[in-house]
Amino acid sequence: MSTRLPSLGRPDPTTAAPSAAPPLSLEERLTLVNAAMTARLDEAAIAYEVNTAHIETKPIDLTDVVTGPLNTGPAPLPDLYPTPVAALLQRAHQRLVSGGWCKDALVDADGARCMLGAIRIEAGGDRHLEADAATVLLDAIRRQFGDDVDSVPGFNDAWGTGRVPMRMLEQAASLADARGL
């Protein structure tokens, strides 16, 4: 009786080769990494508790340590521009950032302002300075969006958010500074 031993060099043709597992998705890989990291952090927390259990600590009264900040309001921006029109446009931009932007009114019920409303309040009643700032702002708007823009209020009211109007105030401040205004 002879028994035939399988050859080590060739696979048995009746045995199917194992198929490769499909690759894991990004979500599955992140889940595995999260589980591994959670286990490591739990182990580190237990080791910390064991290693520091013998150290005696005295409770601290946190009322002596924790203090709240003083209510000093927002920090003033440094004047980036030495020229009056450029500085006015910069202040108007900051007014919109801190106080809010609105459309269809100079000032809304919440105190938010449009571009022209911010220029007017920051001009402090100086109509000449206000007019110069509005002229430079309209010029900056027309440089970016073409000559179809007829006015600053019309441009302001065309937007749903204040992102573009505020950006235009920044660009107008830079333009006024370049012109020495």
N, C-alpha and C. Protein backbone atom coordinates (compact mmCIF):
# COMPACT_ATOMS: atom_id res chain seq x y z
N MET A 1 0.84 -1.16 0.00
CA MET A 1 0.00 0.00 0.00
C MET A 1 0.89 1.23 0.00
N SER A 2 0.67 1.99 -0.98
CA SER A 2 1.51 3.18 -1.07
C SER A 2 0.66 4.41 -0.85
N THR A 3 1.18 5.25 -0.04
CA THR A 3 0.48 6.53 0.20
C THR A 3 1.25 7.63 -0.48
N ARG A 4 0.51 8.44 -1.07
CA ARG A 4 1.15 9.52 -1.81
C ARG A 4 1.10 10.78 -0.96
N LEU A 5 2.25 11.33 -0.74
CA LEU A 5 2.34 12.57 0.03
C LEU A 5 2.22 13.76 -0.90
N PRO A 6 1.53 14.79 -0.46
CA PRO A 6 1.40 15.96 -1.33
C PRO A 6 2.76 16.63 -1.51
N SER A 7 2.95 17.14 -2.67
CA SER A 7 4.19 17.83 -2.99
C SER A 7 4.19 19.20 -2.33
N LEU A 8 5.34 19.56 -1.82
CA LEU A 8 5.45 20.87 -1.18
C LEU A 8 5.61 21.98 -2.21
N GLY A 9 5.97 21.65 -3.38
CA GLY A 9 6.24 22.66 -4.39
C GLY A 9 4.99 23.14 -5.10
N ARG A 10 4.00 22.29 -5.22
CA ARG A 10 2.80 22.67 -5.97
C ARG A 10 1.59 22.61 -5.06
N PRO A 11 0.67 23.58 -5.22
CA PRO A 11 -0.55 23.51 -4.39
C PRO A 11 -1.48 22.43 -4.90
N ASP A 12 -2.26 21.91 -4.00
CA ASP A 12 -3.24 20.90 -4.36
C ASP A 12 -4.32 21.57 -5.22
N PRO A 13 -4.60 21.05 -6.41
CA PRO A 13 -5.55 21.73 -7.29
C PRO A 13 -6.97 21.72 -6.77
N THR A 14 -7.27 20.91 -5.80
CA THR A 14 -8.63 20.89 -5.26
C THR A 14 -8.85 21.94 -4.18
N THR A 15 -7.78 22.51 -3.68
CA THR A 15 -7.89 23.52 -2.63
C THR A 15 -7.88 24.91 -3.27
N ALA A 16 -8.88 25.70 -2.95
CA ALA A 16 -8.97 27.05 -3.52
C ALA A 16 -8.07 27.99 -2.75
N ALA A 17 -7.44 28.87 -3.47
CA ALA A 17 -6.57 29.86 -2.83
C ALA A 17 -7.44 30.84 -2.04
N PRO A 18 -6.95 31.22 -0.86
CA PRO A 18 -7.75 32.17 -0.08
C PRO A 18 -7.85 33.51 -0.81
N SER A 19 -9.03 34.08 -0.79
CA SER A 19 -9.22 35.37 -1.48
C SER A 19 -8.81 36.50 -0.54
N ALA A 20 -8.30 37.54 -1.14
CA ALA A 20 -7.86 38.70 -0.36
C ALA A 20 -9.08 39.44 0.17
N ALA A 21 -8.98 39.90 1.39
CA ALA A 21 -10.07 40.67 1.99
C ALA A 21 -10.17 42.02 1.28
N PRO A 22 -11.38 42.53 1.11
CA PRO A 22 -11.50 43.83 0.46
C PRO A 22 -10.85 44.91 1.33
N PRO A 23 -10.28 45.94 0.71
CA PRO A 23 -9.62 46.98 1.51
C PRO A 23 -10.65 47.73 2.37
N LEU A 24 -10.16 48.19 3.52
CA LEU A 24 -11.03 48.93 4.44
C LEU A 24 -11.28 50.34 3.92
N SER A 25 -12.46 50.84 4.20
CA SER A 25 -12.77 52.22 3.83
C SER A 25 -12.10 53.17 4.82
N LEU A 26 -12.06 54.42 4.46
CA LEU A 26 -11.46 55.42 5.35
C LEU A 26 -12.19 55.46 6.69
N GLU A 27 -13.51 55.37 6.65
CA GLU A 27 -14.30 55.40 7.88
C GLU A 27 -13.96 54.20 8.77
N GLU A 28 -13.81 53.03 8.17
CA GLU A 28 -13.46 51.83 8.95
C GLU A 28 -12.06 51.95 9.55
N ARG A 29 -11.13 52.47 8.77
CA ARG A 29 -9.76 52.65 9.30
C ARG A 29 -9.75 53.65 10.45
N LEU A 30 -10.50 54.75 10.30
CA LEU A 30 -10.55 55.75 11.38
C LEU A 30 -11.18 55.17 12.64
N THR A 31 -12.20 54.33 12.47
CA THR A 31 -12.83 53.68 13.62
C THR A 31 -11.84 52.77 14.34
N LEU A 32 -11.05 52.02 13.59
CA LEU A 32 -10.04 51.15 14.21
C LEU A 32 -8.97 51.95 14.93
N VAL A 33 -8.51 53.02 14.32
CA VAL A 33 -7.49 53.86 14.96
C VAL A 33 -8.07 54.50 16.22
N ASN A 34 -9.32 54.96 16.16
CA ASN A 34 -9.95 55.55 17.33
C ASN A 34 -10.05 54.55 18.47
N ALA A 35 -10.44 53.32 18.16
CA ALA A 35 -10.53 52.29 19.19
C ALA A 35 -9.16 52.00 19.81
N ALA A 36 -8.13 51.92 18.96
CA ALA A 36 -6.79 51.66 19.47
C ALA A 36 -6.30 52.80 20.35
N MET A 37 -6.54 54.03 19.92
CA MET A 37 -6.09 55.18 20.71
C MET A 37 -6.86 55.28 22.03
N THR A 38 -8.14 54.97 22.01
CA THR A 38 -8.93 55.00 23.24
C THR A 38 -8.40 53.98 24.23
N ALA A 39 -8.06 52.79 23.75
CA ALA A 39 -7.50 51.76 24.63
C ALA A 39 -6.16 52.21 25.20
N ARG A 40 -5.32 52.83 24.39
CA ARG A 40 -4.02 53.31 24.88
C ARG A 40 -4.19 54.43 25.90
N LEU A 41 -5.13 55.35 25.66
CA LEU A 41 -5.36 56.43 26.61
C LEU A 41 -5.92 55.91 27.92
N ASP A 42 -6.83 54.94 27.85
CA ASP A 42 -7.36 54.34 29.08
C ASP A 42 -6.25 53.66 29.87
N GLU A 43 -5.38 52.96 29.19
CA GLU A 43 -4.25 52.30 29.85
C GLU A 43 -3.31 53.33 30.48
N ALA A 44 -3.05 54.42 29.78
CA ALA A 44 -2.19 55.47 30.33
C ALA A 44 -2.83 56.14 31.54
N ALA A 45 -4.14 56.34 31.52
CA ALA A 45 -4.83 56.95 32.66
C ALA A 45 -4.74 56.06 33.89
N ILE A 46 -4.89 54.75 33.70
CA ILE A 46 -4.79 53.82 34.82
C ILE A 46 -3.36 53.80 35.35
N ALA A 47 -2.38 53.80 34.47
CA ALA A 47 -0.98 53.81 34.89
C ALA A 47 -0.67 55.10 35.66
N TYR A 48 -1.20 56.21 35.23
CA TYR A 48 -0.99 57.47 35.94
C TYR A 48 -1.59 57.41 37.34
N GLU A 49 -2.81 56.89 37.44
CA GLU A 49 -3.45 56.77 38.76
C GLU A 49 -2.65 55.86 39.68
N VAL A 50 -2.15 54.77 39.17
CA VAL A 50 -1.37 53.84 39.98
C VAL A 50 -0.05 54.50 40.41
N ASN A 51 0.62 55.17 39.48
CA ASN A 51 1.92 55.76 39.77
C ASN A 51 1.84 56.98 40.69
N THR A 52 0.69 57.63 40.75
CA THR A 52 0.59 58.84 41.59
C THR A 52 -0.30 58.63 42.81
N ALA A 53 -0.74 57.43 43.07
CA ALA A 53 -1.65 57.17 44.20
C ALA A 53 -0.98 57.44 45.54
N HIS A 54 0.32 57.29 45.65
CA HIS A 54 1.02 57.46 46.92
C HIS A 54 1.33 58.93 47.24
N ILE A 55 1.14 59.84 46.29
CA ILE A 55 1.46 61.25 46.49
C ILE A 55 0.28 61.94 47.16
N GLU A 56 0.55 62.54 48.31
CA GLU A 56 -0.51 63.25 49.01
C GLU A 56 -0.63 64.65 48.43
N THR A 57 -1.86 65.08 48.25
CA THR A 57 -2.10 66.43 47.73
C THR A 57 -3.02 67.18 48.69
N LYS A 58 -2.81 68.47 48.73
CA LYS A 58 -3.64 69.32 49.57
C LYS A 58 -4.61 70.05 48.65
N PRO A 59 -5.90 70.03 48.94
CA PRO A 59 -6.86 70.71 48.08
C PRO A 59 -6.57 72.22 48.00
N ILE A 60 -6.81 72.79 46.85
CA ILE A 60 -6.59 74.22 46.61
C ILE A 60 -7.93 74.91 46.53
N ASP A 61 -8.03 76.06 47.17
CA ASP A 61 -9.24 76.88 47.07
C ASP A 61 -9.17 77.65 45.75
N LEU A 62 -9.98 77.28 44.78
CA LEU A 62 -9.91 77.87 43.45
C LEU A 62 -10.38 79.32 43.41
N THR A 63 -11.08 79.78 44.44
CA THR A 63 -11.50 81.18 44.42
C THR A 63 -10.31 82.12 44.52
N ASP A 64 -9.20 81.63 45.07
CA ASP A 64 -7.99 82.45 45.13
C ASP A 64 -7.19 82.40 43.84
N VAL A 65 -7.42 81.38 43.04
CA VAL A 65 -6.61 81.17 41.84
C VAL A 65 -7.32 81.66 40.59
N VAL A 66 -8.58 81.30 40.41
CA VAL A 66 -9.31 81.61 39.19
C VAL A 66 -9.91 83.01 39.29
N THR A 67 -9.53 83.85 38.34
CA THR A 67 -10.11 85.18 38.27
C THR A 67 -10.59 85.41 36.85
N GLY A 68 -11.63 86.17 36.70
CA GLY A 68 -12.17 86.46 35.37
C GLY A 68 -11.47 87.66 34.76
N PRO A 69 -11.55 87.78 33.46
CA PRO A 69 -10.92 88.93 32.81
C PRO A 69 -11.71 90.21 33.11
N LEU A 70 -11.02 91.30 33.08
CA LEU A 70 -11.68 92.59 33.26
C LEU A 70 -12.46 92.91 32.00
N ASN A 71 -13.61 93.53 32.14
CA ASN A 71 -14.42 93.87 30.99
C ASN A 71 -13.95 95.22 30.45
N THR A 72 -12.97 95.16 29.58
CA THR A 72 -12.41 96.40 29.03
C THR A 72 -12.91 96.67 27.62
N GLY A 73 -13.73 95.77 27.07
CA GLY A 73 -14.21 95.96 25.71
C GLY A 73 -13.19 95.45 24.71
N PRO A 74 -13.52 95.56 23.44
CA PRO A 74 -12.58 95.07 22.43
C PRO A 74 -11.33 95.93 22.37
N ALA A 75 -10.23 95.28 22.06
CA ALA A 75 -8.97 96.01 21.95
C ALA A 75 -9.01 96.90 20.72
N PRO A 76 -8.57 98.14 20.84
CA PRO A 76 -8.60 99.02 19.67
C PRO A 76 -7.56 98.57 18.65
N LEU A 77 -7.93 98.72 17.40
CA LEU A 77 -6.99 98.40 16.34
C LEU A 77 -5.96 99.50 16.20
N PRO A 78 -4.74 99.15 15.92
CA PRO A 78 -3.77 100.19 15.66
C PRO A 78 -4.10 100.88 14.34
N ASP A 79 -3.81 102.15 14.25
CA ASP A 79 -4.05 102.87 13.01
C ASP A 79 -3.01 102.41 11.99
N LEU A 80 -3.49 101.69 10.99
CA LEU A 80 -2.59 101.19 9.97
C LEU A 80 -2.27 102.27 8.94
N TYR A 81 -3.17 103.25 8.82
CA TYR A 81 -3.01 104.25 7.77
C TYR A 81 -2.89 105.64 8.40
N PRO A 82 -1.87 106.38 7.99
CA PRO A 82 -1.68 107.72 8.56
C PRO A 82 -2.55 108.79 7.89
N THR A 83 -3.10 108.47 6.71
CA THR A 83 -3.90 109.47 6.00
C THR A 83 -5.34 109.43 6.50
N PRO A 84 -6.05 110.57 6.51
CA PRO A 84 -7.37 110.62 7.14
C PRO A 84 -8.44 109.78 6.45
N VAL A 85 -8.50 109.78 5.13
CA VAL A 85 -9.53 109.00 4.44
C VAL A 85 -9.26 107.51 4.60
N ALA A 86 -8.02 107.10 4.46
CA ALA A 86 -7.68 105.69 4.63
C ALA A 86 -7.98 105.23 6.06
N ALA A 87 -7.64 106.05 7.04
CA ALA A 87 -7.91 105.71 8.43
C ALA A 87 -9.42 105.62 8.68
N LEU A 88 -10.20 106.54 8.07
CA LEU A 88 -11.65 106.50 8.22
C LEU A 88 -12.22 105.21 7.63
N LEU A 89 -11.76 104.81 6.47
CA LEU A 89 -12.24 103.56 5.85
C LEU A 89 -11.85 102.34 6.68
N GLN A 90 -10.68 102.39 7.28
CA GLN A 90 -10.26 101.29 8.16
C GLN A 90 -11.17 101.22 9.39
N ARG A 91 -11.47 102.36 9.98
CA ARG A 91 -12.36 102.38 11.15
C ARG A 91 -13.77 101.92 10.78
N ALA A 92 -14.24 102.31 9.58
CA ALA A 92 -15.56 101.87 9.13
C ALA A 92 -15.59 100.35 8.96
N HIS A 93 -14.51 99.81 8.42
CA HIS A 93 -14.41 98.35 8.30
C HIS A 93 -14.48 97.69 9.67
N GLN A 94 -13.72 98.21 10.61
CA GLN A 94 -13.72 97.64 11.96
C GLN A 94 -15.09 97.79 12.61
N ARG A 95 -15.79 98.86 12.33
CA ARG A 95 -17.14 99.08 12.87
C ARG A 95 -18.07 97.97 12.37
N LEU A 96 -17.97 97.61 11.10
CA LEU A 96 -18.82 96.55 10.57
C LEU A 96 -18.43 95.19 11.16
N VAL A 97 -17.14 94.97 11.36
CA VAL A 97 -16.70 93.70 11.95
C VAL A 97 -17.22 93.56 13.37
N SER A 98 -17.11 94.61 14.16
CA SER A 98 -17.49 94.51 15.57
C SER A 98 -18.98 94.76 15.80
N GLY A 99 -19.59 95.63 15.03
CA GLY A 99 -20.99 95.99 15.27
C GLY A 99 -22.00 95.31 14.38
N GLY A 100 -21.53 94.70 13.31
CA GLY A 100 -22.43 94.01 12.40
C GLY A 100 -22.71 94.80 11.14
N TRP A 101 -23.09 94.06 10.11
CA TRP A 101 -23.40 94.64 8.81
C TRP A 101 -24.89 94.47 8.53
N CYS A 102 -25.48 95.43 7.84
CA CYS A 102 -26.87 95.31 7.43
C CYS A 102 -27.04 95.84 6.02
N LYS A 103 -28.21 95.63 5.46
CA LYS A 103 -28.52 96.18 4.14
C LYS A 103 -29.90 96.82 4.20
N ASP A 104 -30.19 97.66 3.22
CA ASP A 104 -31.48 98.34 3.10
C ASP A 104 -31.72 99.40 4.17
N ALA A 105 -30.71 99.76 4.95
CA ALA A 105 -30.83 100.82 5.96
C ALA A 105 -29.43 101.26 6.37
N LEU A 106 -29.30 102.53 6.81
CA LEU A 106 -28.00 102.98 7.32
C LEU A 106 -27.68 102.25 8.62
N VAL A 107 -28.71 102.11 9.49
CA VAL A 107 -28.56 101.41 10.77
C VAL A 107 -29.82 100.59 10.98
N ASP A 108 -29.67 99.31 11.35
CA ASP A 108 -30.87 98.51 11.60
C ASP A 108 -31.23 98.54 13.09
N ALA A 109 -32.27 97.81 13.46
CA ALA A 109 -32.77 97.83 14.85
C ALA A 109 -31.74 97.28 15.84
N ASP A 110 -30.83 96.41 15.38
CA ASP A 110 -29.82 95.83 16.26
C ASP A 110 -28.57 96.69 16.35
N GLY A 111 -28.50 97.78 15.60
CA GLY A 111 -27.32 98.64 15.61
C GLY A 111 -26.30 98.32 14.54
N ALA A 112 -26.58 97.31 13.72
CA ALA A 112 -25.68 97.00 12.61
C ALA A 112 -25.79 98.10 11.56
N ARG A 113 -24.73 98.30 10.82
CA ARG A 113 -24.69 99.39 9.84
C ARG A 113 -24.34 98.88 8.46
N CYS A 114 -24.74 99.68 7.46
CA CYS A 114 -24.30 99.40 6.10
C CYS A 114 -22.95 100.09 5.90
N MET A 115 -22.39 99.95 4.71
CA MET A 115 -21.07 100.54 4.43
C MET A 115 -21.10 102.06 4.64
N LEU A 116 -22.10 102.72 4.06
CA LEU A 116 -22.19 104.18 4.17
C LEU A 116 -22.51 104.60 5.60
N GLY A 117 -23.33 103.82 6.30
CA GLY A 117 -23.63 104.12 7.70
C GLY A 117 -22.40 104.03 8.58
N ALA A 118 -21.53 103.06 8.31
CA ALA A 118 -20.29 102.93 9.07
C ALA A 118 -19.36 104.09 8.78
N ILE A 119 -19.28 104.50 7.51
CA ILE A 119 -18.43 105.65 7.16
C ILE A 119 -18.97 106.91 7.84
N ARG A 120 -20.28 107.09 7.80
CA ARG A 120 -20.89 108.30 8.38
C ARG A 120 -20.63 108.40 9.87
N ILE A 121 -20.81 107.32 10.61
CA ILE A 121 -20.60 107.38 12.06
C ILE A 121 -19.13 107.58 12.40
N GLU A 122 -18.25 106.98 11.63
CA GLU A 122 -16.82 107.11 11.90
C GLU A 122 -16.27 108.46 11.46
N ALA A 123 -16.94 109.14 10.53
CA ALA A 123 -16.50 110.46 10.10
C ALA A 123 -16.77 111.51 11.17
N GLY A 124 -17.66 111.22 12.08
CA GLY A 124 -17.92 112.13 13.19
C GLY A 124 -18.52 113.46 12.76
N GLY A 125 -19.30 113.48 11.71
CA GLY A 125 -19.95 114.70 11.27
C GLY A 125 -19.17 115.50 10.23
N ASP A 126 -17.97 115.08 9.91
CA ASP A 126 -17.17 115.77 8.88
C ASP A 126 -17.65 115.30 7.51
N ARG A 127 -18.56 116.08 6.90
CA ARG A 127 -19.17 115.69 5.63
C ARG A 127 -18.16 115.62 4.48
N HIS A 128 -17.15 116.48 4.51
CA HIS A 128 -16.13 116.47 3.47
C HIS A 128 -15.33 115.16 3.52
N LEU A 129 -14.91 114.77 4.72
CA LEU A 129 -14.18 113.52 4.90
C LEU A 129 -15.05 112.32 4.51
N GLU A 130 -16.32 112.38 4.90
CA GLU A 130 -17.26 111.31 4.56
C GLU A 130 -17.42 111.19 3.04
N ALA A 131 -17.55 112.31 2.34
CA ALA A 131 -17.70 112.30 0.88
C ALA A 131 -16.45 111.77 0.20
N ASP A 132 -15.28 112.17 0.69
CA ASP A 132 -14.03 111.67 0.11
C ASP A 132 -13.92 110.15 0.28
N ALA A 133 -14.29 109.66 1.47
CA ALA A 133 -14.22 108.22 1.73
C ALA A 133 -15.21 107.46 0.84
N ALA A 134 -16.42 107.97 0.68
CA ALA A 134 -17.41 107.32 -0.17
C ALA A 134 -16.96 107.31 -1.64
N THR A 135 -16.29 108.39 -2.07
CA THR A 135 -15.79 108.46 -3.44
C THR A 135 -14.70 107.41 -3.68
N VAL A 136 -13.77 107.30 -2.75
CA VAL A 136 -12.70 106.30 -2.88
C VAL A 136 -13.29 104.89 -2.83
N LEU A 137 -14.27 104.68 -1.95
CA LEU A 137 -14.90 103.36 -1.84
C LEU A 137 -15.61 102.99 -3.15
N LEU A 138 -16.34 103.93 -3.74
CA LEU A 138 -17.01 103.66 -5.00
C LEU A 138 -16.00 103.36 -6.11
N ASP A 139 -14.87 104.08 -6.10
CA ASP A 139 -13.83 103.82 -7.09
C ASP A 139 -13.26 102.41 -6.91
N ALA A 140 -13.02 102.01 -5.66
CA ALA A 140 -12.50 100.65 -5.40
C ALA A 140 -13.51 99.59 -5.83
N ILE A 141 -14.79 99.85 -5.59
CA ILE A 141 -15.83 98.90 -6.00
C ILE A 141 -15.87 98.78 -7.52
N ARG A 142 -15.81 99.92 -8.20
CA ARG A 142 -15.86 99.90 -9.67
C ARG A 142 -14.62 99.23 -10.27
N ARG A 143 -13.48 99.35 -9.62
CA ARG A 143 -12.28 98.67 -10.10
C ARG A 143 -12.47 97.16 -10.08
N GLN A 144 -13.15 96.68 -9.06
CA GLN A 144 -13.34 95.24 -8.89
C GLN A 144 -14.54 94.72 -9.68
N PHE A 145 -15.65 95.47 -9.69
CA PHE A 145 -16.90 94.96 -10.23
C PHE A 145 -17.39 95.67 -11.49
N GLY A 146 -16.62 96.64 -11.99
CA GLY A 146 -16.98 97.31 -13.23
C GLY A 146 -17.77 98.59 -13.00
N ASP A 147 -17.97 99.34 -14.08
CA ASP A 147 -18.63 100.64 -13.99
C ASP A 147 -20.15 100.55 -13.88
N ASP A 148 -20.70 99.35 -13.87
CA ASP A 148 -22.14 99.19 -13.74
C ASP A 148 -22.64 99.53 -12.34
N VAL A 149 -21.76 99.57 -11.35
CA VAL A 149 -22.15 99.90 -9.98
C VAL A 149 -22.41 101.39 -9.93
N ASP A 150 -23.65 101.77 -9.55
CA ASP A 150 -24.00 103.18 -9.58
C ASP A 150 -23.79 103.91 -8.26
N SER A 151 -23.82 103.18 -7.12
CA SER A 151 -23.64 103.86 -5.83
C SER A 151 -23.17 102.87 -4.77
N VAL A 152 -22.64 103.43 -3.68
CA VAL A 152 -22.21 102.60 -2.56
C VAL A 152 -23.42 101.91 -1.90
N PRO A 153 -24.51 102.63 -1.61
CA PRO A 153 -25.67 101.93 -1.02
C PRO A 153 -26.24 100.84 -1.94
N GLY A 154 -26.27 101.09 -3.25
CA GLY A 154 -26.76 100.07 -4.17
C GLY A 154 -25.89 98.83 -4.16
N PHE A 155 -24.57 99.03 -4.10
CA PHE A 155 -23.64 97.90 -4.01
C PHE A 155 -23.84 97.15 -2.71
N ASN A 156 -23.94 97.88 -1.60
CA ASN A 156 -24.11 97.28 -0.28
C ASN A 156 -25.37 96.41 -0.23
N ASP A 157 -26.48 96.94 -0.79
CA ASP A 157 -27.76 96.24 -0.69
C ASP A 157 -27.86 95.05 -1.64
N ALA A 158 -26.90 94.90 -2.54
CA ALA A 158 -26.94 93.79 -3.49
C ALA A 158 -26.43 92.48 -2.89
N TRP A 159 -25.89 92.53 -1.68
CA TRP A 159 -25.27 91.34 -1.09
C TRP A 159 -26.14 90.77 0.02
N GLY A 160 -26.07 89.46 0.20
CA GLY A 160 -26.81 88.79 1.26
C GLY A 160 -26.04 88.73 2.57
N THR A 161 -24.71 88.82 2.49
CA THR A 161 -23.88 88.85 3.69
C THR A 161 -22.92 90.03 3.58
N GLY A 162 -22.27 90.36 4.66
CA GLY A 162 -21.37 91.51 4.68
C GLY A 162 -19.94 91.19 4.31
N ARG A 163 -19.66 89.97 3.90
CA ARG A 163 -18.28 89.58 3.62
C ARG A 163 -17.66 90.41 2.51
N VAL A 164 -18.33 90.54 1.38
CA VAL A 164 -17.78 91.30 0.26
C VAL A 164 -17.77 92.80 0.56
N PRO A 165 -18.85 93.38 1.09
CA PRO A 165 -18.79 94.80 1.43
C PRO A 165 -17.66 95.14 2.41
N MET A 166 -17.44 94.29 3.40
CA MET A 166 -16.35 94.56 4.34
C MET A 166 -14.99 94.44 3.66
N ARG A 167 -14.85 93.48 2.77
CA ARG A 167 -13.60 93.35 2.04
C ARG A 167 -13.35 94.58 1.17
N MET A 168 -14.41 95.13 0.59
CA MET A 168 -14.25 96.32 -0.24
C MET A 168 -13.83 97.53 0.59
N LEU A 169 -14.29 97.63 1.83
CA LEU A 169 -13.84 98.72 2.70
C LEU A 169 -12.34 98.59 2.97
N GLU A 170 -11.86 97.37 3.17
CA GLU A 170 -10.42 97.16 3.35
C GLU A 170 -9.64 97.59 2.11
N GLN A 171 -10.12 97.17 0.95
CA GLN A 171 -9.43 97.52 -0.28
C GLN A 171 -9.47 99.02 -0.54
N ALA A 172 -10.58 99.67 -0.19
CA ALA A 172 -10.68 101.12 -0.37
C ALA A 172 -9.72 101.84 0.57
N ALA A 173 -9.53 101.33 1.78
CA ALA A 173 -8.57 101.94 2.70
C ALA A 173 -7.16 101.86 2.13
N SER A 174 -6.82 100.72 1.56
CA SER A 174 -5.52 100.57 0.94
C SER A 174 -5.36 101.51 -0.26
N LEU A 175 -6.42 101.65 -1.06
CA LEU A 175 -6.39 102.55 -2.22
C LEU A 175 -6.23 104.00 -1.78
N ALA A 176 -6.95 104.40 -0.75
CA ALA A 176 -6.86 105.78 -0.25
C ALA A 176 -5.45 106.06 0.29
N ASP A 177 -4.87 105.07 0.95
CA ASP A 177 -3.51 105.25 1.46
C ASP A 177 -2.52 105.38 0.31
N ALA A 178 -2.70 104.58 -0.73
CA ALA A 178 -1.80 104.66 -1.89
C ALA A 178 -1.92 106.02 -2.59
N ARG A 179 -3.09 106.62 -2.53
CA ARG A 179 -3.32 107.93 -3.13
C ARG A 179 -2.92 109.07 -2.21
N GLY A 180 -2.59 108.75 -0.96
CA GLY A 180 -2.21 109.79 -0.01
C GLY A 180 -3.39 110.56 0.52
N LEU A 181 -4.57 109.95 0.50
CA LEU A 181 -5.79 110.62 0.99
C LEU A 181 -6.07 110.25 2.42
